[in-house]
Amino acid sequence: MKYGLITYKDTENIGDDIQSYVAIRFLPKIDYYIEREKLDLFVPKKEEQVVTIMNGWYLHSKINFYLSPFIYPIFISTHLSQYNNGGIKTEYLNEKTIKQLNEYGPIGCRDSGTKKLLDDIGVDNYLSGCLTLTIEEDKKVKKKDYICIVDIDEEAEKHLNDNLEDKKIVKRTHVLNREENNKLSWDERFKNVKELLDTYQAAELVITTRLHCALPCLALNTPVLLLYDEEKLYTKDRLADYAKIVNKMTTAEFLESGIEKIKSKIVNPTNYLSIKEANEKRVKEFLKQAETKVNSKSLPSIKDYQKFYVSQKQDIDNLYQIAINDMETSKRDYLNIGYERDYWKKEFEILLKKYEFLRDKDTSIEFNEFLLKYENLLKENKCLKEKLEKYEKRNKNKSKKS
């Protein structure tokens, strides 16, 4: 039986690498590294299913959420994001995807936000919590006399330094340089994860805004304080469940009384232990079950899947990514070189007509939704809007003359 590790090559957040690192412990071996943003394009060397643990955050490229038939997924500690690049919402989880989720369910949800999303579309699920709570301590790492701060804001950092002058402060971040990180091998990237986790384990205290710093600290038995500002919708969606199992306060509360809490010594709650133990047991059971269930359904030939899906879908993905980049940066102005407003729409229509596998109703709705968002974004941008109006006026005049 073959095993795959879900990874995200282009990440700017080491939390994604931490999620992959956690899964390594449970897998007997790693035969494939499977790109998280191209789940539907994965093809193994032989016609067989590859067992994967689907913990982590899904997904920037929402149109790639449907899994390759060659993936046998274990859904635990899964977060389906409603934000970034369209969002995984009901309209993005079409009948095929919902059927696939139920086929490999129940889905272990990392948080209540994911659970509600799946409840709304009738997918069997349960609240599993996060797999990072299963990270193991390294007995060789010794405690040291420092406080580690991770991605807290400047005011909170200054407050800490001003009021704890006798204490060494070690500063770390979960933000990565994407280009530099991309050049590293997976062994090197996971070595960086281990070094970061060792820094957390050795600390006297960790103060952070990061979920995948706070939860590993619980697992590593390091006192941790989570600065948690609930009014931020996305923060609440991801962190609300974990605010119940970790010491927390808002940044405003920290500026008011955080130093006193630190001086009185922070002790971690222990209610996370039941989540840790349950997930360790579940993953082992699911892997055991996979031994009898993997390859139990008919699979397409690799040649056919490459020809009729992968090669054609890559064209769609390339165009989609260009459009996404344009939406996010507004740096590329195709209107300057004579591209009409409906450029993307025409390109997608050509692709939809060309490829029979994309002519189903659900896919058309999905792409129309994306195109609508793109055109609305163009109209909201003042600079592009003015150029758009000039272009439309020029075209209108040409039509009148003809």
Protein backbone atom coordinates (compact mmCIF):
# COMPACT_ATOMS: atom_id res chain seq x y z
CA MET A 1 0.00 0.00 0.00
CA LYS A 2 1.25 3.47 -0.91
CA TYR A 3 1.09 6.60 1.26
CA GLY A 4 1.09 10.28 0.33
CA LEU A 5 1.80 13.42 2.33
CA ILE A 6 -0.28 16.52 1.62
CA THR A 7 2.01 19.55 1.25
CA TYR A 8 1.69 23.15 0.10
CA LYS A 9 4.80 24.17 -1.81
CA ASP A 10 3.99 27.87 -2.26
CA THR A 11 2.99 28.63 1.32
CA GLU A 12 3.95 31.86 3.08
CA ASN A 13 2.95 30.40 6.45
CA ILE A 14 5.05 27.76 8.19
CA GLY A 15 1.82 26.62 9.84
CA ASP A 16 1.10 24.74 6.61
CA ASP A 17 4.42 22.91 6.88
CA ILE A 18 3.66 22.18 10.55
CA GLN A 19 0.42 20.49 9.46
CA SER A 20 2.35 18.28 7.02
CA TYR A 21 5.01 17.58 9.65
CA VAL A 22 2.35 16.35 12.08
CA ALA A 23 0.98 13.83 9.57
CA ILE A 24 4.43 12.30 8.97
CA ARG A 25 4.39 10.74 12.43
CA PHE A 26 1.34 8.61 11.58
CA LEU A 27 2.28 7.50 8.07
CA PRO A 28 4.31 4.27 7.82
CA LYS A 29 6.23 5.82 4.89
CA ILE A 30 5.95 8.57 2.29
CA ASP A 31 5.72 7.40 -1.31
CA TYR A 32 4.37 10.67 -2.73
CA TYR A 33 4.24 14.35 -1.86
CA ILE A 34 0.79 15.51 -2.97
CA GLU A 35 0.33 19.22 -3.70
CA ARG A 36 -2.56 20.57 -1.65
CA GLU A 37 -3.57 23.08 -4.33
CA LYS A 38 -3.71 20.42 -7.09
CA LEU A 39 -5.55 17.58 -5.42
CA ASP A 40 -7.53 16.71 -8.55
CA LEU A 41 -4.40 16.48 -10.73
CA PHE A 42 -2.55 13.85 -8.70
CA VAL A 43 -1.60 10.73 -10.65
CA PRO A 44 0.57 7.93 -9.16
CA LYS A 45 3.02 5.74 -11.04
CA LYS A 46 0.64 2.75 -10.94
CA GLU A 47 -3.15 2.51 -11.05
CA GLU A 48 -3.76 2.42 -7.32
CA GLN A 49 -5.08 4.64 -4.54
CA VAL A 50 -2.59 6.43 -2.31
CA VAL A 51 -3.60 6.83 1.34
CA THR A 52 -3.38 10.41 2.64
CA ILE A 53 -4.25 12.24 5.87
CA MET A 54 -6.33 15.30 4.98
CA ASN A 55 -5.56 17.47 8.00
CA GLY A 56 -5.08 21.19 7.43
CA TRP A 57 -6.55 24.17 5.60
CA TYR A 58 -8.40 23.78 2.28
CA LEU A 59 -8.05 25.62 -0.12
CA HIS A 60 -6.83 28.60 -2.18
CA SER A 61 -7.64 27.04 -5.57
CA LYS A 62 -11.21 26.10 -4.79
CA ILE A 63 -11.80 24.65 -8.26
CA ASN A 64 -9.26 21.92 -7.40
CA PHE A 65 -11.01 20.64 -4.29
CA TYR A 66 -12.44 17.56 -6.00
CA LEU A 67 -9.98 14.74 -5.23
CA SER A 68 -8.16 12.65 -7.81
CA PRO A 69 -9.65 9.12 -7.91
CA PHE A 70 -6.14 7.91 -7.06
CA ILE A 71 -6.29 9.51 -3.59
CA TYR A 72 -7.72 7.58 -0.64
CA PRO A 73 -8.35 10.37 1.88
CA ILE A 74 -8.53 10.18 5.66
CA PHE A 75 -10.48 13.32 6.59
CA ILE A 76 -9.50 14.38 10.09
CA SER A 77 -8.62 17.82 11.43
CA THR A 78 -9.88 19.26 8.14
CA HIS A 79 -10.66 22.97 7.76
CA LEU A 80 -12.70 24.09 4.75
CA SER A 81 -12.12 27.81 4.35
CA GLN A 82 -14.93 30.10 3.27
CA TYR A 83 -12.41 32.86 2.64
CA ASN A 84 -9.70 33.66 0.06
CA ASN A 85 -10.25 33.33 -3.70
CA GLY A 86 -13.96 32.67 -3.78
CA GLY A 87 -14.30 30.46 -0.75
CA ILE A 88 -15.52 26.89 -0.33
CA LYS A 89 -19.22 27.52 0.05
CA THR A 90 -22.26 25.52 -0.98
CA GLU A 91 -21.96 26.58 -4.63
CA TYR A 92 -18.35 25.31 -4.77
CA LEU A 93 -19.19 21.92 -3.31
CA ASN A 94 -21.19 20.46 -6.17
CA GLU A 95 -22.93 17.08 -6.27
CA LYS A 96 -19.76 15.21 -7.27
CA THR A 97 -17.73 16.69 -4.41
CA ILE A 98 -20.47 16.15 -1.82
CA LYS A 99 -20.82 12.54 -2.94
CA GLN A 100 -17.07 12.06 -2.60
CA LEU A 101 -17.01 13.60 0.89
CA ASN A 102 -19.80 11.30 2.05
CA GLU A 103 -18.06 8.31 0.47
CA TYR A 104 -15.03 8.87 2.70
CA GLY A 105 -16.89 10.29 5.70
CA PRO A 106 -17.64 11.05 8.35
CA ILE A 107 -15.42 14.12 7.96
CA GLY A 108 -13.36 15.07 11.01
CA CYS A 109 -13.75 18.87 11.22
CA ARG A 110 -11.02 20.99 12.76
CA ASP A 111 -13.50 23.64 13.89
CA SER A 112 -17.19 24.47 14.23
CA GLY A 113 -17.10 26.70 11.13
CA THR A 114 -16.22 23.70 8.96
CA LYS A 115 -18.79 21.56 10.77
CA LYS A 116 -21.58 24.06 10.08
CA LEU A 117 -20.59 24.30 6.40
CA LEU A 118 -20.83 20.51 6.04
CA ASP A 119 -24.03 20.32 8.10
CA ASP A 120 -25.62 22.80 5.68
CA ILE A 121 -24.92 20.61 2.65
CA GLY A 122 -25.75 17.27 4.25
CA VAL A 123 -22.25 15.81 4.65
CA ASP A 124 -21.77 13.45 7.60
CA ASN A 125 -19.17 14.90 9.98
CA TYR A 126 -17.95 15.32 13.55
CA LEU A 127 -15.77 17.81 15.42
CA SER A 128 -12.28 16.28 15.64
CA GLY A 129 -10.14 19.22 16.73
CA CYS A 130 -6.62 19.77 15.41
CA LEU A 131 -3.97 17.15 14.77
CA THR A 132 -1.20 19.55 15.90
CA LEU A 133 -2.24 18.69 19.46
CA THR A 134 -0.59 15.28 18.88
CA ILE A 135 2.93 16.70 18.39
CA GLU A 136 5.36 14.86 20.65
CA GLU A 137 7.89 16.39 23.02
CA ASP A 138 11.58 15.87 22.31
CA LYS A 139 13.13 14.63 25.56
CA LYS A 140 16.50 16.06 24.49
CA VAL A 141 15.21 19.65 24.50
CA LYS A 142 15.88 21.44 27.80
CA LYS A 143 13.95 24.39 29.20
CA LYS A 144 15.62 27.81 28.96
CA ASP A 145 15.02 31.19 30.56
CA TYR A 146 13.28 33.16 27.81
CA ILE A 147 9.85 34.23 26.60
CA CYS A 148 9.12 33.56 22.93
CA ILE A 149 6.78 35.93 21.08
CA VAL A 150 5.23 34.92 17.77
CA ASP A 151 3.50 37.42 15.46
CA ILE A 152 2.06 39.67 18.17
CA ASP A 153 1.52 43.32 17.25
CA GLU A 154 4.13 46.04 17.85
CA GLU A 155 2.28 47.67 20.73
CA ALA A 156 2.00 44.37 22.61
CA GLU A 157 5.69 43.63 21.95
CA LYS A 158 6.76 47.07 23.21
CA HIS A 159 4.58 46.68 26.31
CA LEU A 160 6.25 43.37 27.08
CA ASN A 161 9.79 44.72 26.62
CA ASP A 162 9.07 47.85 28.67
CA ASN A 163 7.69 45.89 31.62
CA LEU A 164 9.92 42.81 31.62
CA GLU A 165 13.35 44.34 31.11
CA ASP A 166 15.04 41.56 33.07
CA LYS A 167 13.62 38.85 30.82
CA LYS A 168 15.12 37.71 27.52
CA ILE A 169 12.63 37.94 24.65
CA VAL A 170 13.05 35.65 21.63
CA LYS A 171 11.05 36.75 18.58
CA ARG A 172 9.83 34.32 15.93
CA THR A 173 7.35 34.48 13.05
CA HIS A 174 5.26 32.04 11.05
CA VAL A 175 5.63 34.21 7.94
CA LEU A 176 7.90 32.67 5.30
CA ASN A 177 9.70 34.11 2.31
CA ARG A 178 7.88 32.15 -0.38
CA GLU A 179 10.66 32.27 -2.99
CA GLU A 180 13.41 31.22 -0.58
CA ASN A 181 11.25 28.52 1.01
CA ASN A 182 10.39 27.09 -2.41
CA LYS A 183 14.06 26.39 -3.09
CA LEU A 184 14.34 24.10 -0.07
CA SER A 185 13.80 20.35 -0.13
CA TRP A 186 11.03 18.91 2.03
CA ASP A 187 13.65 17.48 4.38
CA GLU A 188 15.07 20.99 4.85
CA ARG A 189 11.63 22.49 5.36
CA PHE A 190 10.69 19.93 7.98
CA LYS A 191 14.05 20.50 9.69
CA ASN A 192 13.06 24.18 9.98
CA VAL A 193 9.72 23.12 11.49
CA LYS A 194 11.52 20.94 14.06
CA GLU A 195 13.86 23.81 15.00
CA LEU A 196 10.89 26.13 15.50
CA LEU A 197 9.06 23.56 17.63
CA ASP A 198 12.24 23.08 19.71
CA THR A 199 12.32 26.84 20.30
CA TYR A 200 8.74 26.66 21.57
CA GLN A 201 9.41 23.63 23.75
CA ALA A 202 12.47 25.21 25.36
CA ALA A 203 10.70 28.50 26.16
CA GLU A 204 9.53 29.48 29.61
CA LEU A 205 6.45 30.99 27.99
CA VAL A 206 5.14 31.58 24.45
CA ILE A 207 2.88 34.51 23.55
CA THR A 208 1.27 34.32 20.11
CA THR A 209 -1.64 35.13 17.83
CA ARG A 210 -1.05 31.96 15.78
CA LEU A 211 -3.22 28.86 16.15
CA HIS A 212 -0.43 26.58 14.95
CA CYS A 213 1.90 28.00 17.52
CA ALA A 214 -0.52 27.85 20.45
CA LEU A 215 -1.70 24.27 19.89
CA PRO A 216 1.79 22.76 19.43
CA CYS A 217 2.83 24.57 22.62
CA LEU A 218 0.05 22.77 24.49
CA ALA A 219 1.29 19.46 23.08
CA LEU A 220 4.89 20.35 23.98
CA ASN A 221 3.88 21.24 27.54
CA THR A 222 5.02 24.86 27.16
CA PRO A 223 2.92 27.55 28.89
CA VAL A 224 1.26 29.59 26.14
CA LEU A 225 -0.85 32.74 25.99
CA LEU A 226 -3.01 33.26 22.91
CA LEU A 227 -3.83 36.86 22.01
CA TYR A 228 -7.25 36.38 20.51
CA ASP A 229 -9.34 39.22 19.06
CA GLU A 230 -12.75 37.69 18.48
CA GLU A 231 -14.19 40.64 16.57
CA LYS A 232 -12.18 39.58 13.53
CA LEU A 233 -14.57 37.26 11.70
CA TYR A 234 -11.96 34.99 10.15
CA THR A 235 -10.09 34.74 13.45
CA LYS A 236 -13.30 33.75 15.23
CA ASP A 237 -14.13 31.16 12.56
CA ARG A 238 -10.79 29.39 13.02
CA LEU A 239 -9.95 30.00 16.69
CA ALA A 240 -13.21 30.10 18.65
CA ASP A 241 -13.17 26.39 19.50
CA TYR A 242 -9.56 26.53 20.70
CA ALA A 243 -10.05 29.60 22.84
CA LYS A 244 -11.76 27.17 25.22
CA ILE A 245 -8.68 25.00 25.75
CA VAL A 246 -5.87 27.58 25.96
CA ASN A 247 -5.07 30.63 28.09
CA LYS A 248 -6.26 33.62 26.10
CA MET A 249 -6.91 37.35 26.24
CA THR A 250 -7.47 40.11 23.74
CA THR A 251 -4.60 42.42 22.81
CA ALA A 252 -6.37 45.21 24.73
CA GLU A 253 -6.59 42.99 27.83
CA PHE A 254 -2.93 42.09 27.45
CA LEU A 255 -1.93 45.77 27.44
CA GLU A 256 -3.99 46.26 30.60
CA SER A 257 -3.27 43.19 32.71
CA GLY A 258 -1.11 40.79 30.72
CA ILE A 259 2.11 41.48 32.62
CA GLU A 260 0.45 40.57 35.93
CA LYS A 261 -0.82 37.32 34.43
CA ILE A 262 2.68 36.49 33.17
CA LYS A 263 4.30 37.25 36.52
CA SER A 264 1.77 35.05 38.32
CA LYS A 265 2.91 32.16 36.09
CA ILE A 266 0.68 30.82 33.34
CA VAL A 267 -0.35 27.17 33.59
CA ASN A 268 -1.89 25.45 30.57
CA PRO A 269 -5.37 23.89 30.87
CA THR A 270 -5.37 20.13 30.43
CA ASN A 271 -8.70 19.65 28.63
CA TYR A 272 -6.81 19.45 25.30
CA LEU A 273 -5.53 16.01 26.32
CA SER A 274 -8.82 14.27 25.49
CA ILE A 275 -8.69 15.73 21.95
CA LYS A 276 -5.06 14.64 21.55
CA GLU A 277 -5.73 11.09 22.72
CA ALA A 278 -8.91 10.71 20.66
CA ASN A 279 -7.20 11.86 17.45
CA GLU A 280 -4.19 9.61 17.95
CA LYS A 281 -6.54 6.67 18.33
CA ARG A 282 -8.72 7.71 15.37
CA VAL A 283 -5.85 8.14 12.90
CA LYS A 284 -4.42 4.73 13.74
CA GLU A 285 -7.85 3.12 13.33
CA PHE A 286 -8.52 4.91 10.03
CA LEU A 287 -5.15 3.82 8.64
CA LYS A 288 -5.94 0.24 9.64
CA GLN A 289 -9.34 0.42 7.95
CA ALA A 290 -7.70 1.81 4.80
CA GLU A 291 -5.77 -1.42 4.38
CA THR A 292 -9.01 -3.24 3.52
CA LYS A 293 -10.85 -0.40 1.75
CA VAL A 294 -8.16 1.09 -0.49
CA ASN A 295 -8.54 0.23 -4.21
CA SER A 296 -11.98 -1.24 -3.52
CA LYS A 297 -13.57 0.82 -6.29
CA SER A 298 -12.79 0.78 -10.00
CA LEU A 299 -10.16 3.28 -11.08
CA PRO A 300 -9.66 4.92 -14.48
CA SER A 301 -6.55 4.08 -16.44
CA ILE A 302 -3.73 6.53 -15.80
CA LYS A 303 -3.42 7.15 -19.53
CA ASP A 304 -7.10 8.10 -19.86
CA TYR A 305 -7.11 10.25 -16.73
CA GLN A 306 -4.03 12.13 -17.97
CA LYS A 307 -5.52 12.63 -21.42
CA PHE A 308 -9.15 13.42 -20.65
CA TYR A 309 -8.81 15.24 -17.33
CA VAL A 310 -5.34 16.29 -16.17
CA SER A 311 -3.91 17.77 -19.38
CA GLN A 312 -7.12 19.66 -20.11
CA LYS A 313 -7.76 20.81 -16.55
CA GLN A 314 -4.24 22.27 -16.40
CA ASP A 315 -5.26 24.75 -19.12
CA ILE A 316 -8.18 25.85 -16.97
CA ASP A 317 -5.98 26.14 -13.87
CA ASN A 318 -3.35 28.23 -15.65
CA LEU A 319 -5.93 30.71 -16.84
CA TYR A 320 -7.64 30.72 -13.44
CA GLN A 321 -4.34 31.47 -11.70
CA ILE A 322 -3.57 34.38 -14.04
CA ALA A 323 -6.98 35.85 -13.29
CA ILE A 324 -6.57 35.29 -9.54
CA ASN A 325 -3.20 37.04 -9.57
CA ASP A 326 -4.75 39.95 -11.42
CA MET A 327 -7.60 40.16 -8.92
CA GLU A 328 -5.25 40.13 -5.95
CA THR A 329 -2.57 42.55 -7.14
CA SER A 330 -4.31 44.84 -9.67
CA LYS A 331 -0.81 45.31 -11.10
CA ARG A 332 -1.52 43.81 -14.51
CA ASP A 333 -3.75 46.05 -16.57
CA TYR A 334 -4.83 44.14 -19.65
CA LEU A 335 -7.08 47.01 -20.71
CA ASN A 336 -3.96 49.04 -21.61
CA ILE A 337 -3.12 46.67 -24.44
CA GLY A 338 -6.57 46.56 -25.95
CA TYR A 339 -8.11 43.60 -24.16
CA GLU A 340 -11.84 44.15 -23.85
CA ARG A 341 -13.70 43.85 -20.59
CA ASP A 342 -15.00 40.40 -21.50
CA TYR A 343 -11.52 38.95 -22.10
CA TRP A 344 -11.73 36.41 -19.28
CA LYS A 345 -15.31 35.56 -20.04
CA LYS A 346 -14.47 34.76 -23.66
CA GLU A 347 -11.46 32.67 -22.66
CA PHE A 348 -13.53 30.63 -20.24
CA GLU A 349 -16.31 30.17 -22.79
CA ILE A 350 -13.79 28.80 -25.28
CA LEU A 351 -12.45 26.37 -22.71
CA LEU A 352 -15.91 25.31 -21.61
CA LYS A 353 -16.93 24.60 -25.20
CA LYS A 354 -13.69 22.79 -25.99
CA TYR A 355 -13.69 20.38 -23.08
CA GLU A 356 -16.67 18.08 -22.77
CA PHE A 357 -15.83 17.14 -19.19
CA LEU A 358 -16.49 20.73 -18.11
CA ARG A 359 -19.86 21.08 -19.80
CA ASP A 360 -21.88 19.97 -16.78
CA LYS A 361 -24.15 22.49 -15.09
CA ASP A 362 -22.26 22.63 -11.79
CA THR A 363 -18.95 23.59 -13.37
CA SER A 364 -20.57 26.32 -15.45
CA ILE A 365 -22.14 27.81 -12.34
CA GLU A 366 -18.79 27.67 -10.58
CA PHE A 367 -16.96 29.54 -13.33
CA ASN A 368 -19.76 32.05 -13.87
CA GLU A 369 -19.59 32.86 -10.16
CA PHE A 370 -15.87 33.49 -10.43
CA LEU A 371 -16.22 35.63 -13.57
CA LEU A 372 -18.89 37.75 -11.94
CA LYS A 373 -16.60 38.44 -8.99
CA TYR A 374 -13.75 39.35 -11.32
CA GLU A 375 -15.85 41.81 -13.35
CA ASN A 376 -17.24 43.42 -10.20
CA LEU A 377 -13.71 43.84 -8.90
CA LEU A 378 -12.70 45.58 -12.11
CA LYS A 379 -15.61 47.97 -11.79
CA GLU A 380 -14.77 48.79 -8.16
CA ASN A 381 -11.20 49.79 -9.06
CA LYS A 382 -11.37 53.50 -9.91
CA CYS A 383 -8.39 53.53 -12.26
CA LEU A 384 -9.50 50.48 -14.21
CA LYS A 385 -13.09 51.65 -14.18
CA GLU A 386 -12.15 54.89 -15.97
CA LYS A 387 -10.20 52.97 -18.62
CA LEU A 388 -13.06 50.53 -18.96
CA GLU A 389 -15.52 53.36 -19.57
CA LYS A 390 -13.23 54.93 -22.19
CA TYR A 391 -12.81 51.59 -23.90
CA GLU A 392 -16.56 50.94 -23.97
CA LYS A 393 -17.20 54.46 -25.27
CA ARG A 394 -14.62 53.97 -28.04
CA ASN A 395 -16.21 50.65 -29.02
CA LYS A 396 -19.65 52.22 -29.00
CA ASN A 397 -18.48 54.98 -31.36
CA LYS A 398 -16.91 52.42 -33.69
CA SER A 399 -20.19 50.53 -33.79
CA LYS A 400 -22.12 53.67 -34.71
CA LYS A 401 -19.72 54.48 -37.57
CA SER A 402 -19.97 50.99 -38.95
